[in-house]
Amino acid sequence: MDRQATRNNGRSPGSEGRGCGIGTLAEGACMFSHVTIGTHDLARAAAFYDAVLAPLGLRRLALEVPGWAAWEKPGSPARFWVGKPANGLPASWGNGAMTAFIAPSRAAVAAGHAAGLAAGGLDEGAPGLRPHYAPDYYGAYLRDPGGNKLHLVCRDGVAG
């Protein structure tokens, strides 16, 4: 990590809420290539994630990969994938596993959370400040219809 990123709490200059959409290590370098979760009902999961991720600026890709769907932030190489496990066993959620998405604003956190609940998700924590994480940490938690936990978060005091 370069000195400038160290002075910015590990974030490269200008990376707050931008860059890969998952996490930036250094200018132009993503922390993750992709995040993958399993589902037993791709149509239901895709409808859920379309609803939740649209307010965050992520869009579903037009793919010809049977049994899979993927979303991305335009211009970012990082992707979020949902699909049926390759080993043929039933999909299951991980105890302690969670996928967190950066939202562009507090309003986007609230909109994504509400859309997720309307699309069959379960509330795990309403939108609001989480000052025990950081003074400007605004987030919401929910589970998708398959039980996977996700988190929507906005930082740096961005008002919605």
N, C-alpha and C. Protein backbone atom coordinates (compact mmCIF):
# COMPACT_ATOMS: atom_id res chain seq x y z
N MET A 1 0.85 -1.17 0.00
CA MET A 1 0.00 0.00 0.00
C MET A 1 0.90 1.23 0.00
N ASP A 2 0.57 2.22 -0.83
CA ASP A 2 1.42 3.40 -0.89
C ASP A 2 1.17 4.34 0.27
N ARG A 3 2.07 5.32 0.44
CA ARG A 3 1.95 6.25 1.56
C ARG A 3 0.66 7.05 1.51
N GLN A 4 0.25 7.48 0.31
CA GLN A 4 -0.98 8.27 0.20
C GLN A 4 -2.18 7.45 0.65
N ALA A 5 -2.26 6.18 0.26
CA ALA A 5 -3.37 5.33 0.69
C ALA A 5 -3.34 5.14 2.19
N THR A 6 -2.14 5.01 2.78
CA THR A 6 -2.02 4.87 4.23
C THR A 6 -2.56 6.11 4.92
N ARG A 7 -2.27 7.29 4.40
CA ARG A 7 -2.77 8.53 5.01
C ARG A 7 -4.28 8.65 4.88
N ASN A 8 -4.88 7.93 3.96
CA ASN A 8 -6.33 7.98 3.76
C ASN A 8 -7.01 6.73 4.31
N ASN A 9 -6.54 6.24 5.45
CA ASN A 9 -7.14 5.06 6.10
C ASN A 9 -7.21 3.85 5.18
N GLY A 10 -6.16 3.64 4.38
CA GLY A 10 -6.12 2.47 3.53
C GLY A 10 -6.80 2.63 2.19
N ARG A 11 -7.46 3.75 1.97
CA ARG A 11 -8.14 3.98 0.71
C ARG A 11 -7.26 4.85 -0.17
N SER A 12 -7.24 4.56 -1.43
CA SER A 12 -6.49 5.40 -2.33
C SER A 12 -7.26 6.70 -2.55
N PRO A 13 -6.58 7.80 -2.89
CA PRO A 13 -7.25 9.09 -3.05
C PRO A 13 -8.40 9.00 -4.03
N GLY A 14 -9.55 9.52 -3.62
CA GLY A 14 -10.72 9.55 -4.48
C GLY A 14 -11.45 8.23 -4.60
N SER A 15 -11.06 7.21 -3.84
CA SER A 15 -11.69 5.90 -3.99
C SER A 15 -12.95 5.74 -3.16
N GLU A 16 -13.25 6.67 -2.30
CA GLU A 16 -14.40 6.53 -1.42
C GLU A 16 -15.67 6.36 -2.23
N GLY A 17 -16.26 5.16 -2.17
CA GLY A 17 -17.52 4.89 -2.86
C GLY A 17 -17.38 4.75 -4.36
N ARG A 18 -16.14 4.72 -4.88
CA ARG A 18 -15.94 4.59 -6.32
C ARG A 18 -14.98 3.44 -6.58
N GLY A 19 -14.33 3.46 -7.72
CA GLY A 19 -13.39 2.41 -8.05
C GLY A 19 -14.12 1.13 -8.39
N CYS A 20 -13.79 0.07 -7.74
CA CYS A 20 -14.34 -1.23 -8.08
C CYS A 20 -15.77 -1.41 -7.58
N GLY A 21 -16.17 -0.68 -6.61
CA GLY A 21 -17.49 -0.89 -6.06
C GLY A 21 -17.49 -1.96 -4.99
N ILE A 22 -16.35 -2.59 -4.77
CA ILE A 22 -16.23 -3.57 -3.70
C ILE A 22 -15.13 -3.14 -2.74
N GLY A 23 -14.04 -2.66 -3.22
CA GLY A 23 -12.96 -2.21 -2.38
C GLY A 23 -11.72 -1.95 -3.21
N THR A 24 -11.01 -0.92 -2.90
CA THR A 24 -9.84 -0.55 -3.68
C THR A 24 -8.60 -0.63 -2.82
N LEU A 25 -7.57 -1.32 -3.31
CA LEU A 25 -6.30 -1.41 -2.61
C LEU A 25 -5.38 -0.26 -3.00
N ALA A 26 -5.28 0.02 -4.25
CA ALA A 26 -4.44 1.09 -4.76
C ALA A 26 -5.11 1.64 -6.01
N GLU A 27 -4.67 2.77 -6.46
CA GLU A 27 -5.29 3.40 -7.63
C GLU A 27 -5.41 2.40 -8.77
N GLY A 28 -6.65 2.12 -9.19
CA GLY A 28 -6.89 1.23 -10.31
C GLY A 28 -6.83 -0.25 -10.00
N ALA A 29 -6.59 -0.65 -8.77
CA ALA A 29 -6.49 -2.07 -8.42
C ALA A 29 -7.66 -2.46 -7.53
N CYS A 30 -8.36 -3.53 -7.88
CA CYS A 30 -9.51 -3.99 -7.10
C CYS A 30 -9.07 -4.99 -6.04
N MET A 31 -9.82 -5.01 -4.96
CA MET A 31 -9.58 -6.00 -3.92
C MET A 31 -10.09 -7.37 -4.37
N PHE A 32 -11.21 -7.41 -5.07
CA PHE A 32 -11.82 -8.65 -5.49
C PHE A 32 -12.04 -8.66 -7.00
N SER A 33 -11.92 -9.84 -7.58
CA SER A 33 -12.32 -10.04 -8.96
C SER A 33 -13.84 -10.21 -9.01
N HIS A 34 -14.34 -11.05 -8.09
CA HIS A 34 -15.77 -11.30 -8.03
C HIS A 34 -16.13 -11.93 -6.69
N VAL A 35 -17.41 -11.87 -6.38
CA VAL A 35 -17.99 -12.51 -5.22
C VAL A 35 -19.10 -13.40 -5.77
N THR A 36 -19.17 -14.63 -5.28
CA THR A 36 -20.16 -15.59 -5.76
C THR A 36 -20.96 -16.15 -4.59
N ILE A 37 -22.27 -16.22 -4.77
CA ILE A 37 -23.13 -16.88 -3.79
C ILE A 37 -24.01 -17.88 -4.53
N GLY A 38 -24.47 -18.87 -3.80
CA GLY A 38 -25.30 -19.91 -4.40
C GLY A 38 -26.78 -19.64 -4.22
N THR A 39 -27.57 -20.25 -5.09
CA THR A 39 -29.03 -20.18 -5.00
C THR A 39 -29.63 -21.48 -5.52
N HIS A 40 -30.82 -21.78 -5.06
CA HIS A 40 -31.55 -22.93 -5.59
C HIS A 40 -32.63 -22.46 -6.56
N ASP A 41 -32.90 -21.13 -6.60
CA ASP A 41 -33.93 -20.57 -7.45
C ASP A 41 -33.37 -19.32 -8.12
N LEU A 42 -32.74 -19.49 -9.28
CA LEU A 42 -32.06 -18.38 -9.94
C LEU A 42 -33.03 -17.28 -10.35
N ALA A 43 -34.20 -17.62 -10.84
CA ALA A 43 -35.15 -16.58 -11.27
C ALA A 43 -35.54 -15.69 -10.09
N ARG A 44 -35.84 -16.30 -8.96
CA ARG A 44 -36.22 -15.52 -7.77
C ARG A 44 -35.04 -14.70 -7.26
N ALA A 45 -33.85 -15.28 -7.22
CA ALA A 45 -32.66 -14.56 -6.76
C ALA A 45 -32.34 -13.40 -7.70
N ALA A 46 -32.44 -13.63 -9.01
CA ALA A 46 -32.14 -12.56 -9.97
C ALA A 46 -33.12 -11.40 -9.82
N ALA A 47 -34.40 -11.70 -9.64
CA ALA A 47 -35.38 -10.63 -9.44
C ALA A 47 -35.08 -9.85 -8.16
N PHE A 48 -34.71 -10.56 -7.10
CA PHE A 48 -34.36 -9.92 -5.84
C PHE A 48 -33.16 -8.99 -6.02
N TYR A 49 -32.08 -9.51 -6.60
CA TYR A 49 -30.87 -8.69 -6.74
C TYR A 49 -31.04 -7.57 -7.77
N ASP A 50 -31.85 -7.77 -8.79
CA ASP A 50 -32.16 -6.65 -9.70
C ASP A 50 -32.76 -5.50 -8.91
N ALA A 51 -33.71 -5.81 -8.03
CA ALA A 51 -34.39 -4.78 -7.23
C ALA A 51 -33.44 -4.12 -6.23
N VAL A 52 -32.65 -4.90 -5.52
CA VAL A 52 -31.75 -4.36 -4.48
C VAL A 52 -30.60 -3.57 -5.08
N LEU A 53 -30.02 -4.06 -6.15
CA LEU A 53 -28.78 -3.46 -6.67
C LEU A 53 -29.00 -2.28 -7.61
N ALA A 54 -30.18 -2.15 -8.20
CA ALA A 54 -30.44 -1.01 -9.10
C ALA A 54 -30.25 0.34 -8.41
N PRO A 55 -30.76 0.56 -7.19
CA PRO A 55 -30.54 1.85 -6.54
C PRO A 55 -29.07 2.14 -6.23
N LEU A 56 -28.23 1.10 -6.24
CA LEU A 56 -26.81 1.26 -5.97
C LEU A 56 -26.01 1.51 -7.25
N GLY A 57 -26.69 1.50 -8.39
CA GLY A 57 -26.03 1.75 -9.67
C GLY A 57 -25.42 0.52 -10.31
N LEU A 58 -25.78 -0.68 -9.82
CA LEU A 58 -25.28 -1.91 -10.42
C LEU A 58 -26.32 -2.44 -11.40
N ARG A 59 -25.85 -3.05 -12.46
CA ARG A 59 -26.76 -3.58 -13.48
C ARG A 59 -26.43 -5.04 -13.76
N ARG A 60 -27.49 -5.78 -14.11
CA ARG A 60 -27.28 -7.19 -14.46
C ARG A 60 -26.70 -7.27 -15.86
N LEU A 61 -25.75 -8.16 -16.04
CA LEU A 61 -25.12 -8.37 -17.34
C LEU A 61 -25.95 -9.30 -18.19
N ALA A 62 -25.91 -9.09 -19.49
CA ALA A 62 -26.54 -10.01 -20.43
C ALA A 62 -25.56 -11.15 -20.64
N LEU A 63 -25.85 -12.29 -20.05
CA LEU A 63 -24.94 -13.44 -20.09
C LEU A 63 -25.59 -14.62 -20.78
N GLU A 64 -24.75 -15.47 -21.31
CA GLU A 64 -25.20 -16.76 -21.83
C GLU A 64 -24.49 -17.85 -21.06
N VAL A 65 -24.60 -17.78 -19.75
CA VAL A 65 -24.01 -18.77 -18.86
C VAL A 65 -25.17 -19.45 -18.13
N PRO A 66 -25.55 -20.64 -18.55
CA PRO A 66 -26.70 -21.32 -17.94
C PRO A 66 -26.56 -21.46 -16.42
N GLY A 67 -27.64 -21.11 -15.72
CA GLY A 67 -27.68 -21.27 -14.27
C GLY A 67 -27.02 -20.14 -13.49
N TRP A 68 -26.60 -19.06 -14.16
CA TRP A 68 -25.89 -17.97 -13.49
C TRP A 68 -26.40 -16.61 -13.91
N ALA A 69 -26.28 -15.64 -13.01
CA ALA A 69 -26.54 -14.23 -13.29
C ALA A 69 -25.42 -13.43 -12.63
N ALA A 70 -25.09 -12.28 -13.21
CA ALA A 70 -24.01 -11.45 -12.66
C ALA A 70 -24.38 -9.98 -12.79
N TRP A 71 -23.88 -9.18 -11.84
CA TRP A 71 -24.10 -7.74 -11.82
C TRP A 71 -22.75 -7.05 -11.74
N GLU A 72 -22.71 -5.81 -12.23
CA GLU A 72 -21.50 -5.02 -12.14
C GLU A 72 -21.85 -3.55 -12.04
N LYS A 73 -20.90 -2.79 -11.55
CA LYS A 73 -20.97 -1.34 -11.60
C LYS A 73 -20.30 -0.97 -12.92
N PRO A 74 -21.01 -0.28 -13.83
CA PRO A 74 -20.39 0.05 -15.12
C PRO A 74 -19.00 0.69 -14.94
N GLY A 75 -18.06 0.17 -15.70
CA GLY A 75 -16.69 0.65 -15.63
C GLY A 75 -15.81 -0.07 -14.63
N SER A 76 -16.39 -0.97 -13.85
CA SER A 76 -15.63 -1.71 -12.84
C SER A 76 -15.41 -3.14 -13.30
N PRO A 77 -14.23 -3.69 -13.06
CA PRO A 77 -14.01 -5.09 -13.42
C PRO A 77 -14.60 -6.08 -12.42
N ALA A 78 -14.97 -5.63 -11.22
CA ALA A 78 -15.49 -6.53 -10.19
C ALA A 78 -16.93 -6.92 -10.51
N ARG A 79 -17.27 -8.16 -10.18
CA ARG A 79 -18.62 -8.66 -10.45
C ARG A 79 -19.17 -9.41 -9.25
N PHE A 80 -20.50 -9.41 -9.17
CA PHE A 80 -21.23 -10.18 -8.17
C PHE A 80 -22.02 -11.24 -8.92
N TRP A 81 -21.77 -12.51 -8.60
CA TRP A 81 -22.40 -13.64 -9.29
C TRP A 81 -23.34 -14.39 -8.36
N VAL A 82 -24.45 -14.87 -8.93
CA VAL A 82 -25.40 -15.72 -8.23
C VAL A 82 -25.68 -16.91 -9.15
N GLY A 83 -25.60 -18.13 -8.60
CA GLY A 83 -25.85 -19.29 -9.43
C GLY A 83 -26.00 -20.56 -8.63
N LYS A 84 -26.30 -21.61 -9.36
CA LYS A 84 -26.44 -22.93 -8.75
C LYS A 84 -25.06 -23.53 -8.55
N PRO A 85 -24.79 -24.11 -7.39
CA PRO A 85 -23.46 -24.69 -7.12
C PRO A 85 -23.04 -25.70 -8.19
N ALA A 86 -21.78 -25.60 -8.59
CA ALA A 86 -21.23 -26.47 -9.63
C ALA A 86 -21.18 -27.94 -9.22
N ASN A 87 -21.12 -28.20 -7.91
CA ASN A 87 -21.03 -29.59 -7.45
C ASN A 87 -22.38 -30.30 -7.42
N GLY A 88 -23.45 -29.58 -7.77
CA GLY A 88 -24.78 -30.19 -7.82
C GLY A 88 -25.48 -30.30 -6.49
N LEU A 89 -24.79 -29.98 -5.39
CA LEU A 89 -25.42 -30.02 -4.07
C LEU A 89 -26.29 -28.79 -3.87
N PRO A 90 -27.23 -28.84 -2.93
CA PRO A 90 -28.09 -27.67 -2.69
C PRO A 90 -27.27 -26.47 -2.22
N ALA A 91 -27.68 -25.30 -2.65
CA ALA A 91 -27.05 -24.05 -2.19
C ALA A 91 -27.38 -23.85 -0.72
N SER A 92 -26.43 -23.29 0.01
CA SER A 92 -26.67 -22.96 1.41
C SER A 92 -25.95 -21.65 1.73
N TRP A 93 -26.47 -20.91 2.69
CA TRP A 93 -25.84 -19.65 3.09
C TRP A 93 -24.81 -19.95 4.17
N GLY A 94 -23.83 -19.11 4.25
CA GLY A 94 -22.76 -19.31 5.22
C GLY A 94 -23.05 -18.60 6.53
N ASN A 95 -22.88 -19.29 7.64
CA ASN A 95 -23.04 -18.69 8.95
C ASN A 95 -21.82 -17.81 9.21
N GLY A 96 -22.02 -16.51 9.26
CA GLY A 96 -20.93 -15.57 9.42
C GLY A 96 -20.50 -14.93 8.12
N ALA A 97 -21.02 -15.41 6.99
CA ALA A 97 -20.70 -14.83 5.69
C ALA A 97 -21.67 -13.71 5.36
N MET A 98 -21.16 -12.67 4.72
CA MET A 98 -22.00 -11.54 4.33
C MET A 98 -21.32 -10.84 3.16
N THR A 99 -22.11 -10.37 2.22
CA THR A 99 -21.61 -9.57 1.12
C THR A 99 -22.08 -8.14 1.34
N ALA A 100 -21.14 -7.20 1.32
CA ALA A 100 -21.46 -5.78 1.53
C ALA A 100 -21.28 -5.01 0.24
N PHE A 101 -22.26 -4.17 -0.08
CA PHE A 101 -22.24 -3.36 -1.29
C PHE A 101 -22.14 -1.88 -0.93
N ILE A 102 -21.28 -1.15 -1.62
CA ILE A 102 -21.15 0.29 -1.43
C ILE A 102 -22.31 0.97 -2.14
N ALA A 103 -23.01 1.83 -1.43
CA ALA A 103 -24.10 2.61 -2.00
C ALA A 103 -23.63 4.04 -2.23
N PRO A 104 -24.15 4.71 -3.26
CA PRO A 104 -23.72 6.07 -3.54
C PRO A 104 -24.28 7.12 -2.59
N SER A 105 -25.31 6.76 -1.83
CA SER A 105 -25.93 7.73 -0.93
C SER A 105 -26.74 7.00 0.14
N ARG A 106 -27.13 7.73 1.16
CA ARG A 106 -28.00 7.16 2.19
C ARG A 106 -29.36 6.81 1.59
N ALA A 107 -29.82 7.63 0.67
CA ALA A 107 -31.11 7.35 0.01
C ALA A 107 -31.03 6.03 -0.75
N ALA A 108 -29.89 5.73 -1.38
CA ALA A 108 -29.72 4.48 -2.11
C ALA A 108 -29.73 3.29 -1.15
N VAL A 109 -29.13 3.45 0.04
CA VAL A 109 -29.17 2.39 1.06
C VAL A 109 -30.63 2.09 1.40
N ALA A 110 -31.40 3.13 1.70
CA ALA A 110 -32.81 2.96 2.07
C ALA A 110 -33.62 2.37 0.93
N ALA A 111 -33.38 2.84 -0.29
CA ALA A 111 -34.14 2.34 -1.46
C ALA A 111 -33.80 0.88 -1.73
N GLY A 112 -32.53 0.51 -1.64
CA GLY A 112 -32.14 -0.88 -1.86
C GLY A 112 -32.71 -1.81 -0.81
N HIS A 113 -32.69 -1.36 0.44
CA HIS A 113 -33.24 -2.14 1.55
C HIS A 113 -34.75 -2.34 1.35
N ALA A 114 -35.46 -1.27 1.05
CA ALA A 114 -36.91 -1.36 0.84
C ALA A 114 -37.24 -2.25 -0.36
N ALA A 115 -36.48 -2.12 -1.43
CA ALA A 115 -36.71 -2.95 -2.62
C ALA A 115 -36.46 -4.42 -2.31
N GLY A 116 -35.44 -4.69 -1.51
CA GLY A 116 -35.16 -6.06 -1.12
C GLY A 116 -36.26 -6.68 -0.30
N LEU A 117 -36.82 -5.91 0.63
CA LEU A 117 -37.93 -6.42 1.45
C LEU A 117 -39.15 -6.67 0.57
N ALA A 118 -39.42 -5.76 -0.36
CA ALA A 118 -40.56 -5.93 -1.26
C ALA A 118 -40.38 -7.12 -2.20
N ALA A 119 -39.12 -7.50 -2.47
CA ALA A 119 -38.83 -8.62 -3.37
C ALA A 119 -38.65 -9.94 -2.62
N GLY A 120 -39.05 -9.99 -1.35
CA GLY A 120 -39.03 -11.24 -0.61
C GLY A 120 -37.87 -11.42 0.35
N GLY A 121 -37.07 -10.37 0.55
CA GLY A 121 -35.97 -10.45 1.50
C GLY A 121 -36.45 -10.30 2.93
N LEU A 122 -35.57 -10.60 3.88
CA LEU A 122 -35.88 -10.47 5.30
C LEU A 122 -35.00 -9.39 5.91
N ASP A 123 -35.60 -8.55 6.75
CA ASP A 123 -34.87 -7.46 7.40
C ASP A 123 -33.92 -8.02 8.46
N GLU A 124 -32.68 -7.55 8.42
CA GLU A 124 -31.67 -7.91 9.43
C GLU A 124 -31.11 -6.66 10.10
N GLY A 125 -31.68 -5.49 9.77
CA GLY A 125 -31.22 -4.23 10.35
C GLY A 125 -31.62 -3.08 9.45
N ALA A 126 -32.54 -2.25 9.92
CA ALA A 126 -33.07 -1.14 9.13
C ALA A 126 -31.98 -0.12 8.78
N PRO A 127 -32.18 0.65 7.72
CA PRO A 127 -31.21 1.68 7.36
C PRO A 127 -31.02 2.68 8.51
N GLY A 128 -29.76 3.05 8.75
CA GLY A 128 -29.47 4.01 9.78
C GLY A 128 -27.98 4.13 10.02
N LEU A 129 -27.62 5.11 10.82
CA LEU A 129 -26.22 5.29 11.20
C LEU A 129 -25.78 4.14 12.08
N ARG A 130 -24.53 3.75 11.93
CA ARG A 130 -23.91 2.73 12.76
C ARG A 130 -22.65 3.35 13.36
N PRO A 131 -22.82 4.28 14.34
CA PRO A 131 -21.67 5.02 14.87
C PRO A 131 -20.67 4.13 15.60
N HIS A 132 -21.06 2.92 15.99
CA HIS A 132 -20.10 2.01 16.60
C HIS A 132 -19.08 1.49 15.59
N TYR A 133 -19.36 1.63 14.27
CA TYR A 133 -18.39 1.30 13.22
C TYR A 133 -17.55 2.53 12.89
N ALA A 134 -18.23 3.66 12.66
CA ALA A 134 -17.58 4.95 12.35
C ALA A 134 -18.67 6.01 12.40
N PRO A 135 -18.31 7.26 12.69
CA PRO A 135 -19.33 8.31 12.80
C PRO A 135 -20.18 8.50 11.54
N ASP A 136 -19.61 8.22 10.37
CA ASP A 136 -20.33 8.45 9.11
C ASP A 136 -20.84 7.16 8.47
N TYR A 137 -20.83 6.05 9.20
CA TYR A 137 -21.19 4.74 8.65
C TYR A 137 -22.70 4.59 8.65
N TYR A 138 -23.31 4.58 7.46
CA TYR A 138 -24.75 4.46 7.29
C TYR A 138 -25.02 3.16 6.54
N GLY A 139 -25.79 2.26 7.12
CA GLY A 139 -26.00 0.98 6.47
C GLY A 139 -27.32 0.33 6.80
N ALA A 140 -27.57 -0.77 6.10
CA ALA A 140 -28.76 -1.60 6.31
C ALA A 140 -28.37 -3.04 6.02
N TYR A 141 -29.06 -3.97 6.68
CA TYR A 141 -28.79 -5.39 6.52
C TYR A 141 -30.08 -6.11 6.12
N LEU A 142 -29.95 -7.11 5.26
CA LEU A 142 -31.08 -7.96 4.92
C LEU A 142 -30.57 -9.30 4.40
N ARG A 143 -31.51 -10.24 4.30
CA ARG A 143 -31.20 -11.55 3.73
C ARG A 143 -32.01 -11.73 2.46
N ASP A 144 -31.38 -12.36 1.47
CA ASP A 144 -32.09 -12.65 0.23
C ASP A 144 -33.03 -13.82 0.46
N PRO A 145 -33.89 -14.16 -0.51
CA PRO A 145 -34.83 -15.26 -0.31
C PRO A 145 -34.18 -16.61 -0.01
N GLY A 146 -32.91 -16.78 -0.36
CA GLY A 146 -32.21 -18.03 -0.07
C GLY A 146 -31.48 -18.02 1.26
N GLY A 147 -31.53 -16.90 1.99
CA GLY A 147 -30.91 -16.81 3.31
C GLY A 147 -29.54 -16.14 3.34
N ASN A 148 -28.99 -15.77 2.18
CA ASN A 148 -27.70 -15.09 2.14
C ASN A 148 -27.82 -13.69 2.72
N LYS A 149 -26.87 -13.33 3.59
CA LYS A 149 -26.90 -12.02 4.24
C LYS A 149 -26.16 -11.00 3.39
N LEU A 150 -26.76 -9.81 3.25
CA LEU A 150 -26.09 -8.73 2.56
C LEU A 150 -26.22 -7.44 3.34
N HIS A 151 -25.32 -6.55 3.02
CA HIS A 151 -25.21 -5.26 3.71
C HIS A 151 -25.07 -4.18 2.65
N LEU A 152 -25.80 -3.09 2.82
CA LEU A 152 -25.70 -1.92 1.95
C LEU A 152 -25.12 -0.81 2.80
N VAL A 153 -24.07 -0.13 2.33
CA VAL A 153 -23.39 0.85 3.16
C VAL A 153 -22.98 2.08 2.36
N CYS A 154 -23.10 3.22 3.01
CA CYS A 154 -22.65 4.50 2.49
C CYS A 154 -21.76 5.13 3.55
N ARG A 155 -20.64 5.73 3.13
CA ARG A 155 -19.70 6.36 4.06
C ARG A 155 -19.50 7.83 3.70
N ASP A 156 -18.69 8.50 4.50
CA ASP A 156 -18.26 9.87 4.25
C ASP A 156 -19.37 10.89 4.34
N GLY A 157 -20.40 10.60 5.12
CA GLY A 157 -21.44 11.59 5.39
C GLY A 157 -22.25 12.00 4.18
N VAL A 158 -22.33 11.17 3.16
CA VAL A 158 -23.11 11.50 1.98
C VAL A 158 -24.58 11.47 2.35
N ALA A 159 -25.23 12.59 2.19
CA ALA A 159 -26.67 12.68 2.51
C ALA A 159 -27.48 12.24 1.32
N GLY A 160 -28.58 11.54 1.59
CA GLY A 160 -29.43 11.05 0.52
C GLY A 160 -30.57 11.94 0.19
